[in-house]
């Protein structure tokens, strides 16, 4: 059986562009939805054209034109949606319901991977307001997929290294702190960190794998499960410089939410669940899930020590 044809929706986004690159690199005939909504965003257009130069097919379609979505998904076997679900960029998760309708009508799609790539929303029913909206909306999309009997794989990729490693998991910055670092509690809650390029590789590996059909793919190789304290120690070893550490209690951390705008409040809630509760690692993967590094041991994923070196 040949490799599946892949359509990426949201291909110019932060994770989407990596999914496109991984799909091409792994030999899949790759289509990228080109939406008229990009307007005069020249950078997005140039990215789309660069994909075309690399062999991807650009296919026009709009969420405001159901027929165009149906025609787009009819061209492929697998649809991967990577629309943003973070509030400090853009938040469009429920637009995927239109994509679900198109896939249902087309009737040919062998696998749909909705926009997830973070925490497992099925485990976040207790999440704090207002951040829980992200998980609630992902669960609405999951229900629509399953009600329509569309074959799926859900990808839980945990903490993107670009947002959580180089900054030593500091809120509201993306570069390493120079003098002091805030510890969440005692800093000893285990967290799973992943290079975004590796997330894309594992995602594409899974699309034709019967072992991931109608299951959740957790990307959390044991080597990349660290506490925040261990992450900081690795940075201090690399730089040869000790940072002053300031511990923040859970109570004080949650109290800071009052001073934030909506996007900040969402971020504080998510950080709380990750760094105080340990929501990424405090459970065993059951029968409805698979761990990516176990399925694909041949994939050479980036270890955190290596990732940190680009910031030195």
C-alpha atoms as a PDB file:
ATOM      1  CA  UNK A   1       0.000   0.000   0.000  1.00  0.00           C
ATOM      2  CA  UNK A   2       1.315   3.420  -0.961  1.00  0.00           C
ATOM      3  CA  UNK A   3       1.713   6.318   1.409  1.00  0.00           C
ATOM      4  CA  UNK A   4      -1.374   8.386   2.150  1.00  0.00           C
ATOM      5  CA  UNK A   5      -2.029  11.715   0.487  1.00  0.00           C
ATOM      6  CA  UNK A   6      -2.100  14.403   3.167  1.00  0.00           C
ATOM      7  CA  UNK A   7      -3.977  17.702   3.423  1.00  0.00           C
ATOM      8  CA  UNK A   8      -2.719  20.164   6.029  1.00  0.00           C
ATOM      9  CA  UNK A   9      -5.180  22.836   7.134  1.00  0.00           C
ATOM     10  CA  UNK A  10      -3.355  25.684   8.882  1.00  0.00           C
ATOM     11  CA  UNK A  11      -0.100  24.915   7.100  1.00  0.00           C
ATOM     12  CA  UNK A  12       1.441  28.364   7.626  1.00  0.00           C
ATOM     13  CA  UNK A  13       1.046  28.257  11.396  1.00  0.00           C
ATOM     14  CA  UNK A  14       3.564  27.503  14.130  1.00  0.00           C
ATOM     15  CA  UNK A  15       3.114  23.732  14.134  1.00  0.00           C
ATOM     16  CA  UNK A  16       1.435  23.518  10.725  1.00  0.00           C
ATOM     17  CA  UNK A  17       4.504  24.545   8.762  1.00  0.00           C
ATOM     18  CA  UNK A  18       6.460  21.796  10.478  1.00  0.00           C
ATOM     19  CA  UNK A  19       3.765  19.232   9.685  1.00  0.00           C
ATOM     20  CA  UNK A  20       3.977  20.218   6.000  1.00  0.00           C
ATOM     21  CA  UNK A  21       7.777  19.865   6.027  1.00  0.00           C
ATOM     22  CA  UNK A  22       7.637  16.489   7.777  1.00  0.00           C
ATOM     23  CA  UNK A  23       4.983  15.191   5.379  1.00  0.00           C
ATOM     24  CA  UNK A  24       7.124  16.145   2.394  1.00  0.00           C
ATOM     25  CA  UNK A  25      10.300  14.768   3.993  1.00  0.00           C
ATOM     26  CA  UNK A  26       8.656  11.416   4.677  1.00  0.00           C
ATOM     27  CA  UNK A  27       7.506  11.062   1.074  1.00  0.00           C
ATOM     28  CA  UNK A  28       3.795  11.842   1.279  1.00  0.00           C
ATOM     29  CA  UNK A  29       2.000  13.615  -1.517  1.00  0.00           C
ATOM     30  CA  UNK A  30       1.197  16.772   0.423  1.00  0.00           C
ATOM     31  CA  UNK A  31      -1.557  19.321  -0.073  1.00  0.00           C
ATOM     32  CA  UNK A  32      -1.858  22.597   1.818  1.00  0.00           C
ATOM     33  CA  UNK A  33      -5.133  24.492   2.077  1.00  0.00           C
ATOM     34  CA  UNK A  34      -4.736  28.019   0.723  1.00  0.00           C
ATOM     35  CA  UNK A  35      -7.477  30.161   2.206  1.00  0.00           C
ATOM     36  CA  UNK A  36      -8.508  33.517   0.707  1.00  0.00           C
ATOM     37  CA  UNK A  37      -8.678  34.804   4.274  1.00  0.00           C
ATOM     38  CA  UNK A  38      -4.900  35.341   4.230  1.00  0.00           C
ATOM     39  CA  UNK A  39      -5.695  38.592   2.422  1.00  0.00           C
ATOM     40  CA  UNK A  40      -2.543  40.673   2.048  1.00  0.00           C
ATOM     41  CA  UNK A  41      -0.426  38.602   4.455  1.00  0.00           C
ATOM     42  CA  UNK A  42       2.595  38.349   2.177  1.00  0.00           C
ATOM     43  CA  UNK A  43       4.606  36.234   4.600  1.00  0.00           C
ATOM     44  CA  UNK A  44       1.942  33.509   4.625  1.00  0.00           C
ATOM     45  CA  UNK A  45       1.700  33.604   0.846  1.00  0.00           C
ATOM     46  CA  UNK A  46       5.477  33.335   0.449  1.00  0.00           C
ATOM     47  CA  UNK A  47       5.511  30.375   2.848  1.00  0.00           C
ATOM     48  CA  UNK A  48       2.817  28.660   0.796  1.00  0.00           C
ATOM     49  CA  UNK A  49       4.798  29.283  -2.369  1.00  0.00           C
ATOM     50  CA  UNK A  50       7.926  27.880  -0.723  1.00  0.00           C
ATOM     51  CA  UNK A  51       5.968  24.693   0.051  1.00  0.00           C
ATOM     52  CA  UNK A  52       4.943  24.563  -3.604  1.00  0.00           C
ATOM     53  CA  UNK A  53       8.593  24.802  -4.667  1.00  0.00           C
ATOM     54  CA  UNK A  54       9.334  21.840  -2.406  1.00  0.00           C
ATOM     55  CA  UNK A  55       6.660  19.749  -4.083  1.00  0.00           C
ATOM     56  CA  UNK A  56       3.491  20.472  -2.114  1.00  0.00           C
ATOM     57  CA  UNK A  57       0.193  21.157  -3.878  1.00  0.00           C
ATOM     58  CA  UNK A  58      -1.714  24.292  -2.931  1.00  0.00           C
ATOM     59  CA  UNK A  59      -5.461  23.799  -2.925  1.00  0.00           C
ATOM     60  CA  UNK A  60      -7.902  26.659  -2.483  1.00  0.00           C
ATOM     61  CA  UNK A  61     -10.625  26.405   0.103  1.00  0.00           C
ATOM     62  CA  UNK A  62     -12.446  28.483   2.671  1.00  0.00           C
ATOM     63  CA  UNK A  63     -14.322  27.809   5.887  1.00  0.00           C
ATOM     64  CA  UNK A  64     -16.973  30.122   4.457  1.00  0.00           C
ATOM     65  CA  UNK A  65     -17.419  27.855   1.433  1.00  0.00           C
ATOM     66  CA  UNK A  66     -18.526  24.342   2.373  1.00  0.00           C
ATOM     67  CA  UNK A  67     -18.277  23.031  -1.189  1.00  0.00           C
ATOM     68  CA  UNK A  68     -14.642  24.141  -1.461  1.00  0.00           C
ATOM     69  CA  UNK A  69     -13.770  22.245   1.737  1.00  0.00           C
ATOM     70  CA  UNK A  70     -15.501  19.105   0.465  1.00  0.00           C
ATOM     71  CA  UNK A  71     -13.595  19.324  -2.825  1.00  0.00           C
ATOM     72  CA  UNK A  72     -10.315  19.820  -0.967  1.00  0.00           C
ATOM     73  CA  UNK A  73     -10.683  16.807   1.319  1.00  0.00           C
ATOM     74  CA  UNK A  74     -11.792  14.619  -1.603  1.00  0.00           C
ATOM     75  CA  UNK A  75      -8.262  14.928  -2.986  1.00  0.00           C
ATOM     76  CA  UNK A  76      -6.583  13.168  -0.050  1.00  0.00           C
ATOM     77  CA  UNK A  77      -6.609  10.251   2.379  1.00  0.00           C
ATOM     78  CA  UNK A  78      -5.569  12.053   5.569  1.00  0.00           C
ATOM     79  CA  UNK A  79      -6.523  15.502   6.856  1.00  0.00           C
ATOM     80  CA  UNK A  80      -4.415  17.186   9.551  1.00  0.00           C
ATOM     81  CA  UNK A  81      -5.700  20.410  11.075  1.00  0.00           C
ATOM     82  CA  UNK A  82      -3.253  22.662  12.903  1.00  0.00           C
ATOM     83  CA  UNK A  83      -5.353  25.769  13.477  1.00  0.00           C
ATOM     84  CA  UNK A  84      -4.292  27.809  16.475  1.00  0.00           C
ATOM     85  CA  UNK A  85      -5.928  27.224  19.826  1.00  0.00           C
ATOM     86  CA  UNK A  86      -3.818  29.576  21.936  1.00  0.00           C
ATOM     87  CA  UNK A  87      -5.323  32.881  22.947  1.00  0.00           C
ATOM     88  CA  UNK A  88      -2.238  35.084  22.586  1.00  0.00           C
ATOM     89  CA  UNK A  89      -2.103  34.265  18.855  1.00  0.00           C
ATOM     90  CA  UNK A  90      -5.532  33.359  17.502  1.00  0.00           C
ATOM     91  CA  UNK A  91      -8.180  30.944  18.703  1.00  0.00           C
ATOM     92  CA  UNK A  92     -10.210  29.180  16.031  1.00  0.00           C
ATOM     93  CA  UNK A  93     -10.751  25.644  17.290  1.00  0.00           C
ATOM     94  CA  UNK A  94     -14.504  25.466  16.670  1.00  0.00           C
ATOM     95  CA  UNK A  95     -14.043  26.337  12.994  1.00  0.00           C
ATOM     96  CA  UNK A  96     -12.986  22.701  12.719  1.00  0.00           C
ATOM     97  CA  UNK A  97     -16.646  21.705  13.004  1.00  0.00           C
ATOM     98  CA  UNK A  98     -17.031  22.937   9.419  1.00  0.00           C
ATOM     99  CA  UNK A  99     -14.118  20.727   8.421  1.00  0.00           C
ATOM    100  CA  UNK A 100     -15.742  17.757  10.165  1.00  0.00           C
ATOM    101  CA  UNK A 101     -18.908  18.354   8.132  1.00  0.00           C
ATOM    102  CA  UNK A 102     -16.892  18.474   4.915  1.00  0.00           C
ATOM    103  CA  UNK A 103     -15.037  15.256   5.760  1.00  0.00           C
ATOM    104  CA  UNK A 104     -18.316  13.562   6.621  1.00  0.00           C
ATOM    105  CA  UNK A 105     -19.876  14.569   3.305  1.00  0.00           C
ATOM    106  CA  UNK A 106     -16.803  13.655   1.245  1.00  0.00           C
ATOM    107  CA  UNK A 107     -16.750  10.170   2.757  1.00  0.00           C
ATOM    108  CA  UNK A 108     -13.266   9.234   1.585  1.00  0.00           C
ATOM    109  CA  UNK A 109     -10.966  10.345   4.411  1.00  0.00           C
ATOM    110  CA  UNK A 110      -9.164   7.477   6.123  1.00  0.00           C
ATOM    111  CA  UNK A 111      -7.858   9.514   9.048  1.00  0.00           C
ATOM    112  CA  UNK A 112      -8.474  12.947  10.567  1.00  0.00           C
ATOM    113  CA  UNK A 113      -6.089  14.547  13.042  1.00  0.00           C
ATOM    114  CA  UNK A 114      -7.766  17.609  14.575  1.00  0.00           C
ATOM    115  CA  UNK A 115      -5.858  20.520  16.046  1.00  0.00           C
ATOM    116  CA  UNK A 116      -4.677  19.339  19.460  1.00  0.00           C
ATOM    117  CA  UNK A 117      -0.902  18.993  20.032  1.00  0.00           C
ATOM    118  CA  UNK A 118      -0.935  20.130  23.671  1.00  0.00           C
ATOM    119  CA  UNK A 119      -2.408  18.632  26.838  1.00  0.00           C
ATOM    120  CA  UNK A 120      -4.943  15.828  26.627  1.00  0.00           C
ATOM    121  CA  UNK A 121      -8.335  17.574  26.811  1.00  0.00           C
ATOM    122  CA  UNK A 122     -10.021  14.330  27.854  1.00  0.00           C
ATOM    123  CA  UNK A 123      -8.086  14.571  31.124  1.00  0.00           C
ATOM    124  CA  UNK A 124      -8.838  18.260  31.751  1.00  0.00           C
ATOM    125  CA  UNK A 125     -12.481  18.205  32.803  1.00  0.00           C
ATOM    126  CA  UNK A 126     -11.439  19.826  36.086  1.00  0.00           C
ATOM    127  CA  UNK A 127      -9.487  22.666  34.421  1.00  0.00           C
ATOM    128  CA  UNK A 128      -9.685  26.213  35.744  1.00  0.00           C
ATOM    129  CA  UNK A 129     -11.611  29.037  34.118  1.00  0.00           C
ATOM    130  CA  UNK A 130     -11.043  30.739  31.778  1.00  0.00           C
ATOM    131  CA  UNK A 131      -8.335  28.422  30.378  1.00  0.00           C
ATOM    132  CA  UNK A 132     -10.632  25.420  30.282  1.00  0.00           C
ATOM    133  CA  UNK A 133     -12.289  26.813  27.145  1.00  0.00           C
ATOM    134  CA  UNK A 134      -9.397  25.361  25.129  1.00  0.00           C
ATOM    135  CA  UNK A 135     -10.059  21.845  26.416  1.00  0.00           C
ATOM    136  CA  UNK A 136     -13.836  22.157  26.266  1.00  0.00           C
ATOM    137  CA  UNK A 137     -13.718  23.207  22.620  1.00  0.00           C
ATOM    138  CA  UNK A 138     -11.322  20.397  21.701  1.00  0.00           C
ATOM    139  CA  UNK A 139     -13.736  17.945  23.302  1.00  0.00           C
ATOM    140  CA  UNK A 140     -16.626  19.422  21.271  1.00  0.00           C
ATOM    141  CA  UNK A 141     -14.592  18.761  18.115  1.00  0.00           C
ATOM    142  CA  UNK A 142     -13.720  15.233  19.283  1.00  0.00           C
ATOM    143  CA  UNK A 143     -17.390  14.464  19.889  1.00  0.00           C
ATOM    144  CA  UNK A 144     -18.328  15.696  16.424  1.00  0.00           C
ATOM    145  CA  UNK A 145     -15.621  13.511  14.865  1.00  0.00           C
ATOM    146  CA  UNK A 146     -16.713  10.417  16.750  1.00  0.00           C
ATOM    147  CA  UNK A 147     -20.432  11.052  16.196  1.00  0.00           C
ATOM    148  CA  UNK A 148     -19.703  11.238  12.456  1.00  0.00           C
ATOM    149  CA  UNK A 149     -17.733   7.950  12.619  1.00  0.00           C
ATOM    150  CA  UNK A 150     -14.678   9.614  11.114  1.00  0.00           C
ATOM    151  CA  UNK A 151     -11.456   7.629  11.740  1.00  0.00           C
ATOM    152  CA  UNK A 152      -9.111   9.714  13.884  1.00  0.00           C
ATOM    153  CA  UNK A 153      -5.856  10.055  15.752  1.00  0.00           C
ATOM    154  CA  UNK A 154      -5.514  12.634  18.528  1.00  0.00           C
ATOM    155  CA  UNK A 155      -1.983  13.936  19.093  1.00  0.00           C
ATOM    156  CA  UNK A 156      -0.983  15.003  22.613  1.00  0.00           C
ATOM    157  CA  UNK A 157       2.413  16.670  22.241  1.00  0.00           C
ATOM    158  CA  UNK A 158       2.726  18.255  25.697  1.00  0.00           C
ATOM    159  CA  UNK A 159       5.054  21.286  26.072  1.00  0.00           C
ATOM    160  CA  UNK A 160       6.562  22.749  22.915  1.00  0.00           C
ATOM    161  CA  UNK A 161      10.238  23.366  23.569  1.00  0.00           C
ATOM    162  CA  UNK A 162      10.144  26.776  21.894  1.00  0.00           C
ATOM    163  CA  UNK A 163       7.723  28.042  24.521  1.00  0.00           C
ATOM    164  CA  UNK A 164       8.823  26.066  27.564  1.00  0.00           C
ATOM    165  CA  UNK A 165      12.507  25.055  27.343  1.00  0.00           C
ATOM    166  CA  UNK A 166      14.582  28.028  26.199  1.00  0.00           C
ATOM    167  CA  UNK A 167      12.881  30.274  28.751  1.00  0.00           C
ATOM    168  CA  UNK A 168      13.253  27.680  31.547  1.00  0.00           C
ATOM    169  CA  UNK A 169       9.438  27.597  31.640  1.00  0.00           C
ATOM    170  CA  UNK A 170       9.078  31.238  32.672  1.00  0.00           C
ATOM    171  CA  UNK A 171       5.717  32.824  31.993  1.00  0.00           C
ATOM    172  CA  UNK A 172       5.696  35.860  29.657  1.00  0.00           C
ATOM    173  CA  UNK A 173       9.154  35.395  28.151  1.00  0.00           C
ATOM    174  CA  UNK A 174      10.688  33.114  25.496  1.00  0.00           C
ATOM    175  CA  UNK A 175      14.422  33.605  26.171  1.00  0.00           C
ATOM    176  CA  UNK A 176      16.498  32.370  29.131  1.00  0.00           C
ATOM    177  CA  UNK A 177      16.490  34.562  32.256  1.00  0.00           C
ATOM    178  CA  UNK A 178      19.916  36.039  33.015  1.00  0.00           C
ATOM    179  CA  UNK A 179      19.903  36.420  36.792  1.00  0.00           C
ATOM    180  CA  UNK A 180      16.889  34.901  38.514  1.00  0.00           C
ATOM    181  CA  UNK A 181      14.368  32.221  37.749  1.00  0.00           C
ATOM    182  CA  UNK A 182      10.920  31.532  39.199  1.00  0.00           C
ATOM    183  CA  UNK A 183      10.283  28.029  40.459  1.00  0.00           C
ATOM    184  CA  UNK A 184       6.751  26.676  40.487  1.00  0.00           C
ATOM    185  CA  UNK A 185       6.425  25.322  44.010  1.00  0.00           C
ATOM    186  CA  UNK A 186       9.483  23.198  44.672  1.00  0.00           C
ATOM    187  CA  UNK A 187      10.106  22.755  40.933  1.00  0.00           C
ATOM    188  CA  UNK A 188       9.921  18.975  41.198  1.00  0.00           C
ATOM    189  CA  UNK A 189       6.802  18.186  39.171  1.00  0.00           C
ATOM    190  CA  UNK A 190       7.558  16.132  36.058  1.00  0.00           C
ATOM    191  CA  UNK A 191       6.871  17.776  32.708  1.00  0.00           C
ATOM    192  CA  UNK A 192       7.160  16.433  29.141  1.00  0.00           C
ATOM    193  CA  UNK A 193       9.011  18.732  26.714  1.00  0.00           C
ATOM    194  CA  UNK A 194       9.247  18.204  22.934  1.00  0.00           C
ATOM    195  CA  UNK A 195      11.016  19.858  20.026  1.00  0.00           C
ATOM    196  CA  UNK A 196       8.280  20.963  17.634  1.00  0.00           C
ATOM    197  CA  UNK A 197      10.059  19.438  14.612  1.00  0.00           C
ATOM    198  CA  UNK A 198       9.985  16.071  16.355  1.00  0.00           C
ATOM    199  CA  UNK A 199       6.285  16.492  17.106  1.00  0.00           C
ATOM    200  CA  UNK A 200       5.717  16.884  13.372  1.00  0.00           C
ATOM    201  CA  UNK A 201       7.811  13.828  12.523  1.00  0.00           C
ATOM    202  CA  UNK A 202       5.990  11.606  14.997  1.00  0.00           C
ATOM    203  CA  UNK A 203       2.638  12.936  13.784  1.00  0.00           C
ATOM    204  CA  UNK A 204       3.339  12.008  10.172  1.00  0.00           C
ATOM    205  CA  UNK A 205       4.708   8.614  11.205  1.00  0.00           C
ATOM    206  CA  UNK A 206       1.373   7.869  12.861  1.00  0.00           C
ATOM    207  CA  UNK A 207      -1.011   8.658  10.017  1.00  0.00           C
ATOM    208  CA  UNK A 208      -0.718   5.313   8.204  1.00  0.00           C
ATOM    209  CA  UNK A 209      -0.115   3.231  11.318  1.00  0.00           C
ATOM    210  CA  UNK A 210      -3.030   0.933  12.257  1.00  0.00           C
ATOM    211  CA  UNK A 211      -1.778   0.979  15.858  1.00  0.00           C
ATOM    212  CA  UNK A 212      -2.788   4.649  16.194  1.00  0.00           C
ATOM    213  CA  UNK A 213      -6.187   4.369  14.498  1.00  0.00           C
ATOM    214  CA  UNK A 214      -8.948   5.785  16.713  1.00  0.00           C
ATOM    215  CA  UNK A 215      -6.428   6.313  19.509  1.00  0.00           C
ATOM    216  CA  UNK A 216      -4.508   9.101  21.206  1.00  0.00           C
ATOM    217  CA  UNK A 217      -0.812   9.407  20.374  1.00  0.00           C
ATOM    218  CA  UNK A 218       1.122  10.724  23.390  1.00  0.00           C
ATOM    219  CA  UNK A 219       4.513  12.189  22.492  1.00  0.00           C
ATOM    220  CA  UNK A 220       6.432  11.945  25.738  1.00  0.00           C
ATOM    221  CA  UNK A 221       9.692   9.983  25.446  1.00  0.00           C
ATOM    222  CA  UNK A 222      11.026   9.189  28.941  1.00  0.00           C
ATOM    223  CA  UNK A 223      14.299  11.021  28.213  1.00  0.00           C
ATOM    224  CA  UNK A 224      12.372  14.284  27.745  1.00  0.00           C
ATOM    225  CA  UNK A 225      10.388  14.061  30.955  1.00  0.00           C
ATOM    226  CA  UNK A 226      12.076  16.442  33.387  1.00  0.00           C
ATOM    227  CA  UNK A 227      11.180  18.564  36.369  1.00  0.00           C
ATOM    228  CA  UNK A 228      11.574  22.317  36.099  1.00  0.00           C
ATOM    229  CA  UNK A 229      14.467  22.075  38.574  1.00  0.00           C
ATOM    230  CA  UNK A 230      16.233  19.560  36.326  1.00  0.00           C
ATOM    231  CA  UNK A 231      15.704  21.835  33.329  1.00  0.00           C
ATOM    232  CA  UNK A 232      17.268  24.744  35.209  1.00  0.00           C
ATOM    233  CA  UNK A 233      20.181  22.559  36.340  1.00  0.00           C
ATOM    234  CA  UNK A 234      20.902  21.590  32.749  1.00  0.00           C
ATOM    235  CA  UNK A 235      20.985  25.267  31.774  1.00  0.00           C
ATOM    236  CA  UNK A 236      23.268  26.162  34.686  1.00  0.00           C
ATOM    237  CA  UNK A 237      25.630  23.346  33.724  1.00  0.00           C
ATOM    238  CA  UNK A 238      25.732  24.556  30.121  1.00  0.00           C
ATOM    239  CA  UNK A 239      26.390  28.191  31.026  1.00  0.00           C
ATOM    240  CA  UNK A 240      28.465  27.642  34.168  1.00  0.00           C
ATOM    241  CA  UNK A 241      26.337  30.247  35.902  1.00  0.00           C
ATOM    242  CA  UNK A 242      23.971  29.776  38.848  1.00  0.00           C
ATOM    243  CA  UNK A 243      20.633  31.548  38.824  1.00  0.00           C
ATOM    244  CA  UNK A 244      18.854  32.922  41.882  1.00  0.00           C
ATOM    245  CA  UNK A 245      15.748  30.844  42.426  1.00  0.00           C
ATOM    246  CA  UNK A 246      12.479  32.284  43.717  1.00  0.00           C
ATOM    247  CA  UNK A 247       9.794  29.788  44.638  1.00  0.00           C
ATOM    248  CA  UNK A 248       6.156  30.709  43.984  1.00  0.00           C
ATOM    249  CA  UNK A 249       3.469  28.887  45.930  1.00  0.00           C
ATOM    250  CA  UNK A 250       0.423  27.601  44.083  1.00  0.00           C
ATOM    251  CA  UNK A 251      -1.736  30.082  45.994  1.00  0.00           C
ATOM    252  CA  UNK A 252       0.398  33.075  45.018  1.00  0.00           C
ATOM    253  CA  UNK A 253       0.669  31.896  41.433  1.00  0.00           C
ATOM    254  CA  UNK A 254      -3.099  31.630  41.049  1.00  0.00           C
ATOM    255  CA  UNK A 255      -3.574  35.004  42.769  1.00  0.00           C
ATOM    256  CA  UNK A 256      -1.562  36.625  39.946  1.00  0.00           C
ATOM    257  CA  UNK A 257      -4.385  35.821  37.542  1.00  0.00           C
ATOM    258  CA  UNK A 258      -6.328  38.882  38.742  1.00  0.00           C
ATOM    259  CA  UNK A 259      -3.777  41.228  37.186  1.00  0.00           C
ATOM    260  CA  UNK A 260      -3.788  39.564  33.760  1.00  0.00           C
ATOM    261  CA  UNK A 261      -5.735  40.096  30.573  1.00  0.00           C
ATOM    262  CA  UNK A 262      -7.795  37.197  29.216  1.00  0.00           C
ATOM    263  CA  UNK A 263      -4.924  35.548  27.321  1.00  0.00           C
ATOM    264  CA  UNK A 264      -2.709  35.840  30.408  1.00  0.00           C
ATOM    265  CA  UNK A 265      -5.388  34.271  32.593  1.00  0.00           C
ATOM    266  CA  UNK A 266      -5.622  31.339  30.214  1.00  0.00           C
ATOM    267  CA  UNK A 267      -1.830  30.949  30.346  1.00  0.00           C
ATOM    268  CA  UNK A 268      -1.693  31.022  34.148  1.00  0.00           C
ATOM    269  CA  UNK A 269      -4.348  28.319  34.344  1.00  0.00           C
ATOM    270  CA  UNK A 270      -2.502  26.069  31.911  1.00  0.00           C
ATOM    271  CA  UNK A 271       0.839  26.611  33.689  1.00  0.00           C
ATOM    272  CA  UNK A 272      -0.828  25.725  36.992  1.00  0.00           C
ATOM    273  CA  UNK A 273      -2.081  22.401  35.671  1.00  0.00           C
ATOM    274  CA  UNK A 274       1.296  21.581  34.121  1.00  0.00           C
ATOM    275  CA  UNK A 275       3.722  22.701  36.837  1.00  0.00           C
ATOM    276  CA  UNK A 276       1.742  22.278  40.037  1.00  0.00           C
ATOM    277  CA  UNK A 277      -0.602  19.387  39.231  1.00  0.00           C
ATOM    278  CA  UNK A 278       1.645  17.506  36.823  1.00  0.00           C
ATOM    279  CA  UNK A 279      -1.178  16.916  34.339  1.00  0.00           C
ATOM    280  CA  UNK A 280       1.195  15.841  31.556  1.00  0.00           C
ATOM    281  CA  UNK A 281       2.791  12.964  33.428  1.00  0.00           C
ATOM    282  CA  UNK A 282       0.629  11.978  36.405  1.00  0.00           C
ATOM    283  CA  UNK A 283      -1.119   9.132  34.588  1.00  0.00           C
ATOM    284  CA  UNK A 284      -0.324   5.916  32.766  1.00  0.00           C
ATOM    285  CA  UNK A 285      -1.153   5.654  29.074  1.00  0.00           C
ATOM    286  CA  UNK A 286      -4.018   3.188  28.806  1.00  0.00           C
ATOM    287  CA  UNK A 287      -5.395   0.978  26.036  1.00  0.00           C
ATOM    288  CA  UNK A 288      -6.810   3.948  24.136  1.00  0.00           C
ATOM    289  CA  UNK A 289      -3.381   5.525  23.765  1.00  0.00           C
ATOM    290  CA  UNK A 290       0.117   4.871  22.436  1.00  0.00           C
ATOM    291  CA  UNK A 291       3.450   6.515  23.237  1.00  0.00           C
ATOM    292  CA  UNK A 292       5.253   7.758  20.133  1.00  0.00           C
ATOM    293  CA  UNK A 293       8.872   6.951  21.020  1.00  0.00           C
ATOM    294  CA  UNK A 294       7.905   3.350  21.787  1.00  0.00           C
ATOM    295  CA  UNK A 295       6.106   2.963  18.462  1.00  0.00           C
ATOM    296  CA  UNK A 296       8.898   4.597  16.461  1.00  0.00           C
ATOM    297  CA  UNK A 297      12.219   3.933  18.252  1.00  0.00           C
ATOM    298  CA  UNK A 298      14.101   4.713  15.045  1.00  0.00           C
ATOM    299  CA  UNK A 299      13.167   8.413  15.238  1.00  0.00           C
ATOM    300  CA  UNK A 300      16.107  10.443  16.543  1.00  0.00           C
ATOM    301  CA  UNK A 301      14.324  13.041  18.644  1.00  0.00           C
ATOM    302  CA  UNK A 302      16.064  16.066  20.178  1.00  0.00           C
ATOM    303  CA  UNK A 303      17.046  15.724  23.820  1.00  0.00           C
ATOM    304  CA  UNK A 304      16.623  18.747  26.047  1.00  0.00           C
ATOM    305  CA  UNK A 305      20.366  19.134  26.634  1.00  0.00           C
ATOM    306  CA  UNK A 306      20.846  19.542  22.894  1.00  0.00           C
ATOM    307  CA  UNK A 307      17.922  21.886  22.510  1.00  0.00           C
ATOM    308  CA  UNK A 308      19.228  24.230  25.217  1.00  0.00           C
ATOM    309  CA  UNK A 309      22.563  24.631  23.423  1.00  0.00           C
ATOM    310  CA  UNK A 310      21.036  26.897  20.775  1.00  0.00           C
ATOM    311  CA  UNK A 311      20.437  29.519  23.488  1.00  0.00           C
ATOM    312  CA  UNK A 312      24.013  29.634  24.810  1.00  0.00           C
END
